[in-house]
């Protein structure tokens, strides 16, 4: 059975940006996930990674080279993201934690994708049934 994995922005910045302490883990995890099934991004991830690119053509080339598919966020996932973000804010969550992260988490959950991220704690807190691949869960 093939597994689909939504790739969080931080992973792509690790792989396509200047090398950091997390670059190797992110690149290895991306290769592992690709060997297990489809890799995906959505419009939120696309927009978050855009500023690190020289052009949209460059981003399209990178995405194509890694065989990453693009998938739209469903209306149901958008609703879930909004409701989850509202719970976060009512619980005292700061404005710095904005809606895009909730859209990414809800998209992965509702569409049945795993999420490849370095930020497991936040996603696990608000999407506890989401299958998350992170340095904490897959060293």
C-alpha atoms as a PDB file:
ATOM      1  CA  UNK A   1       0.000   0.000   0.000  1.00  0.00           C
ATOM      2  CA  UNK A   2       1.335   3.425  -0.973  1.00  0.00           C
ATOM      3  CA  UNK A   3       1.328   6.162   1.629  1.00  0.00           C
ATOM      4  CA  UNK A   4       0.938   9.864   0.878  1.00  0.00           C
ATOM      5  CA  UNK A   5       2.910  12.492   2.774  1.00  0.00           C
ATOM      6  CA  UNK A   6       2.201  16.214   2.981  1.00  0.00           C
ATOM      7  CA  UNK A   7       5.511  18.063   3.347  1.00  0.00           C
ATOM      8  CA  UNK A   8       5.586  20.949   5.810  1.00  0.00           C
ATOM      9  CA  UNK A   9       7.307  24.157   4.726  1.00  0.00           C
ATOM     10  CA  UNK A  10      10.181  23.778   7.196  1.00  0.00           C
ATOM     11  CA  UNK A  11      11.299  20.550   5.494  1.00  0.00           C
ATOM     12  CA  UNK A  12      11.459  22.170   2.060  1.00  0.00           C
ATOM     13  CA  UNK A  13      13.353  25.175   3.389  1.00  0.00           C
ATOM     14  CA  UNK A  14      15.815  22.764   5.036  1.00  0.00           C
ATOM     15  CA  UNK A  15      16.379  20.918   1.766  1.00  0.00           C
ATOM     16  CA  UNK A  16      16.324  23.843  -0.669  1.00  0.00           C
ATOM     17  CA  UNK A  17      17.856  26.551   1.534  1.00  0.00           C
ATOM     18  CA  UNK A  18      21.233  27.100   3.098  1.00  0.00           C
ATOM     19  CA  UNK A  19      22.494  24.054   5.005  1.00  0.00           C
ATOM     20  CA  UNK A  20      21.593  23.912   8.702  1.00  0.00           C
ATOM     21  CA  UNK A  21      21.785  21.347  11.498  1.00  0.00           C
ATOM     22  CA  UNK A  22      18.471  19.853  10.312  1.00  0.00           C
ATOM     23  CA  UNK A  23      19.187  19.685   6.571  1.00  0.00           C
ATOM     24  CA  UNK A  24      20.446  16.089   6.563  1.00  0.00           C
ATOM     25  CA  UNK A  25      17.547  14.755   8.632  1.00  0.00           C
ATOM     26  CA  UNK A  26      15.011  16.555   6.420  1.00  0.00           C
ATOM     27  CA  UNK A  27      16.615  15.335   3.180  1.00  0.00           C
ATOM     28  CA  UNK A  28      16.818  11.739   4.442  1.00  0.00           C
ATOM     29  CA  UNK A  29      13.207  11.824   5.659  1.00  0.00           C
ATOM     30  CA  UNK A  30      12.043  13.235   2.332  1.00  0.00           C
ATOM     31  CA  UNK A  31      13.803  10.409   0.460  1.00  0.00           C
ATOM     32  CA  UNK A  32      12.285   7.804   2.830  1.00  0.00           C
ATOM     33  CA  UNK A  33       8.779   9.215   2.398  1.00  0.00           C
ATOM     34  CA  UNK A  34       9.185   9.359  -1.378  1.00  0.00           C
ATOM     35  CA  UNK A  35      10.149   5.672  -1.433  1.00  0.00           C
ATOM     36  CA  UNK A  36       6.911   4.868   0.451  1.00  0.00           C
ATOM     37  CA  UNK A  37       4.474   6.837  -1.704  1.00  0.00           C
ATOM     38  CA  UNK A  38       3.368  10.231  -2.946  1.00  0.00           C
ATOM     39  CA  UNK A  39       4.811  13.529  -1.752  1.00  0.00           C
ATOM     40  CA  UNK A  40       2.444  16.499  -1.666  1.00  0.00           C
ATOM     41  CA  UNK A  41       2.292  20.233  -1.048  1.00  0.00           C
ATOM     42  CA  UNK A  42      -0.693  22.547  -0.939  1.00  0.00           C
ATOM     43  CA  UNK A  43      -1.149  26.227  -1.759  1.00  0.00           C
ATOM     44  CA  UNK A  44      -0.289  27.298   1.803  1.00  0.00           C
ATOM     45  CA  UNK A  45       3.037  25.464   1.739  1.00  0.00           C
ATOM     46  CA  UNK A  46       3.671  26.773  -1.793  1.00  0.00           C
ATOM     47  CA  UNK A  47       3.123  30.355  -0.613  1.00  0.00           C
ATOM     48  CA  UNK A  48       5.260  29.925   2.514  1.00  0.00           C
ATOM     49  CA  UNK A  49       8.239  28.551   0.579  1.00  0.00           C
ATOM     50  CA  UNK A  50       7.916  31.123  -2.263  1.00  0.00           C
ATOM     51  CA  UNK A  51      10.013  33.858  -0.580  1.00  0.00           C
ATOM     52  CA  UNK A  52      13.008  31.506  -0.418  1.00  0.00           C
ATOM     53  CA  UNK A  53      12.943  31.019  -4.207  1.00  0.00           C
ATOM     54  CA  UNK A  54      14.305  33.272  -6.938  1.00  0.00           C
ATOM     55  CA  UNK A  55      11.222  32.727  -9.099  1.00  0.00           C
ATOM     56  CA  UNK A  56       8.107  30.603  -9.424  1.00  0.00           C
ATOM     57  CA  UNK A  57       9.812  28.743 -12.274  1.00  0.00           C
ATOM     58  CA  UNK A  58      12.596  27.750  -9.858  1.00  0.00           C
ATOM     59  CA  UNK A  59      10.035  26.474  -7.347  1.00  0.00           C
ATOM     60  CA  UNK A  60       8.205  24.540 -10.069  1.00  0.00           C
ATOM     61  CA  UNK A  61      11.509  22.977 -11.157  1.00  0.00           C
ATOM     62  CA  UNK A  62      12.393  21.887  -7.604  1.00  0.00           C
ATOM     63  CA  UNK A  63       8.930  20.433  -7.048  1.00  0.00           C
ATOM     64  CA  UNK A  64       9.071  18.593 -10.370  1.00  0.00           C
ATOM     65  CA  UNK A  65      12.549  17.178  -9.687  1.00  0.00           C
ATOM     66  CA  UNK A  66      11.374  15.680  -6.390  1.00  0.00           C
ATOM     67  CA  UNK A  67       8.128  14.426  -7.984  1.00  0.00           C
ATOM     68  CA  UNK A  68       6.025  16.370  -5.498  1.00  0.00           C
ATOM     69  CA  UNK A  69       2.336  16.566  -6.358  1.00  0.00           C
ATOM     70  CA  UNK A  70       0.182  19.607  -5.679  1.00  0.00           C
ATOM     71  CA  UNK A  71      -3.161  19.194  -3.947  1.00  0.00           C
ATOM     72  CA  UNK A  72      -5.809  21.741  -3.052  1.00  0.00           C
ATOM     73  CA  UNK A  73      -7.112  22.018   0.488  1.00  0.00           C
ATOM     74  CA  UNK A  74     -10.695  20.767   0.693  1.00  0.00           C
ATOM     75  CA  UNK A  75     -13.505  22.901   2.046  1.00  0.00           C
ATOM     76  CA  UNK A  76     -13.890  20.414   4.910  1.00  0.00           C
ATOM     77  CA  UNK A  77     -10.201  20.751   5.825  1.00  0.00           C
ATOM     78  CA  UNK A  78     -10.491  24.555   5.704  1.00  0.00           C
ATOM     79  CA  UNK A  79     -13.452  24.385   8.097  1.00  0.00           C
ATOM     80  CA  UNK A  80     -11.559  22.064  10.461  1.00  0.00           C
ATOM     81  CA  UNK A  81      -8.543  24.392  10.350  1.00  0.00           C
ATOM     82  CA  UNK A  82     -10.696  27.373  11.272  1.00  0.00           C
ATOM     83  CA  UNK A  83     -12.378  25.550  14.149  1.00  0.00           C
ATOM     84  CA  UNK A  84      -9.065  24.228  15.477  1.00  0.00           C
ATOM     85  CA  UNK A  85      -7.464  27.670  15.219  1.00  0.00           C
ATOM     86  CA  UNK A  86     -10.416  29.151  17.149  1.00  0.00           C
ATOM     87  CA  UNK A  87      -9.918  26.569  19.945  1.00  0.00           C
ATOM     88  CA  UNK A  88      -6.221  27.448  20.003  1.00  0.00           C
ATOM     89  CA  UNK A  89      -6.996  31.181  20.342  1.00  0.00           C
ATOM     90  CA  UNK A  90      -9.662  30.605  23.047  1.00  0.00           C
ATOM     91  CA  UNK A  91      -7.081  28.580  24.997  1.00  0.00           C
ATOM     92  CA  UNK A  92      -4.772  31.612  25.005  1.00  0.00           C
ATOM     93  CA  UNK A  93      -2.733  30.828  21.886  1.00  0.00           C
ATOM     94  CA  UNK A  94      -0.611  33.679  20.629  1.00  0.00           C
ATOM     95  CA  UNK A  95      -1.213  35.486  17.361  1.00  0.00           C
ATOM     96  CA  UNK A  96       2.250  34.399  16.171  1.00  0.00           C
ATOM     97  CA  UNK A  97       0.792  30.930  15.628  1.00  0.00           C
ATOM     98  CA  UNK A  98      -1.285  31.810  12.627  1.00  0.00           C
ATOM     99  CA  UNK A  99      -3.907  30.020  10.611  1.00  0.00           C
ATOM    100  CA  UNK A 100      -1.602  28.561   7.881  1.00  0.00           C
ATOM    101  CA  UNK A 101      -0.200  25.904  10.223  1.00  0.00           C
ATOM    102  CA  UNK A 102      -3.722  24.850  11.126  1.00  0.00           C
ATOM    103  CA  UNK A 103      -4.643  24.618   7.437  1.00  0.00           C
ATOM    104  CA  UNK A 104      -1.617  22.385   6.795  1.00  0.00           C
ATOM    105  CA  UNK A 105      -2.456  20.099   9.731  1.00  0.00           C
ATOM    106  CA  UNK A 106      -6.154  19.887   8.886  1.00  0.00           C
ATOM    107  CA  UNK A 107      -5.398  19.210   5.220  1.00  0.00           C
ATOM    108  CA  UNK A 108      -3.129  16.289   6.107  1.00  0.00           C
ATOM    109  CA  UNK A 109      -5.636  14.886   8.598  1.00  0.00           C
ATOM    110  CA  UNK A 110      -8.782  15.204   6.485  1.00  0.00           C
ATOM    111  CA  UNK A 111      -7.104  13.931   3.290  1.00  0.00           C
ATOM    112  CA  UNK A 112      -5.532  10.971   5.090  1.00  0.00           C
ATOM    113  CA  UNK A 113      -1.930  12.037   4.495  1.00  0.00           C
ATOM    114  CA  UNK A 114       0.965  11.759   6.896  1.00  0.00           C
ATOM    115  CA  UNK A 115       2.715  15.025   7.735  1.00  0.00           C
ATOM    116  CA  UNK A 116       6.478  15.384   7.405  1.00  0.00           C
ATOM    117  CA  UNK A 117       7.546  18.237   9.694  1.00  0.00           C
ATOM    118  CA  UNK A 118      10.142  19.291  12.218  1.00  0.00           C
ATOM    119  CA  UNK A 119       7.397  20.808  14.372  1.00  0.00           C
ATOM    120  CA  UNK A 120       5.696  17.715  15.794  1.00  0.00           C
ATOM    121  CA  UNK A 121       4.616  19.212  19.121  1.00  0.00           C
ATOM    122  CA  UNK A 122       2.298  21.850  17.686  1.00  0.00           C
ATOM    123  CA  UNK A 123       0.637  19.534  15.179  1.00  0.00           C
ATOM    124  CA  UNK A 124       0.329  16.678  17.695  1.00  0.00           C
ATOM    125  CA  UNK A 125      -1.338  18.986  20.209  1.00  0.00           C
ATOM    126  CA  UNK A 126      -4.065  20.160  17.844  1.00  0.00           C
ATOM    127  CA  UNK A 127      -4.300  17.117  15.551  1.00  0.00           C
ATOM    128  CA  UNK A 128      -3.635  14.193  17.916  1.00  0.00           C
ATOM    129  CA  UNK A 129      -4.697  11.482  15.448  1.00  0.00           C
ATOM    130  CA  UNK A 130      -2.473  12.826  12.654  1.00  0.00           C
ATOM    131  CA  UNK A 131       0.391  10.533  11.604  1.00  0.00           C
ATOM    132  CA  UNK A 132       3.453  12.751  12.008  1.00  0.00           C
ATOM    133  CA  UNK A 133       6.991  12.083  10.822  1.00  0.00           C
ATOM    134  CA  UNK A 134       9.470  14.271  12.685  1.00  0.00           C
ATOM    135  CA  UNK A 135      12.921  14.037  14.263  1.00  0.00           C
ATOM    136  CA  UNK A 136      11.141  13.081  17.538  1.00  0.00           C
ATOM    137  CA  UNK A 137       9.226  10.182  15.991  1.00  0.00           C
ATOM    138  CA  UNK A 138      11.669   9.033  13.296  1.00  0.00           C
ATOM    139  CA  UNK A 139      15.234   9.921  14.379  1.00  0.00           C
END
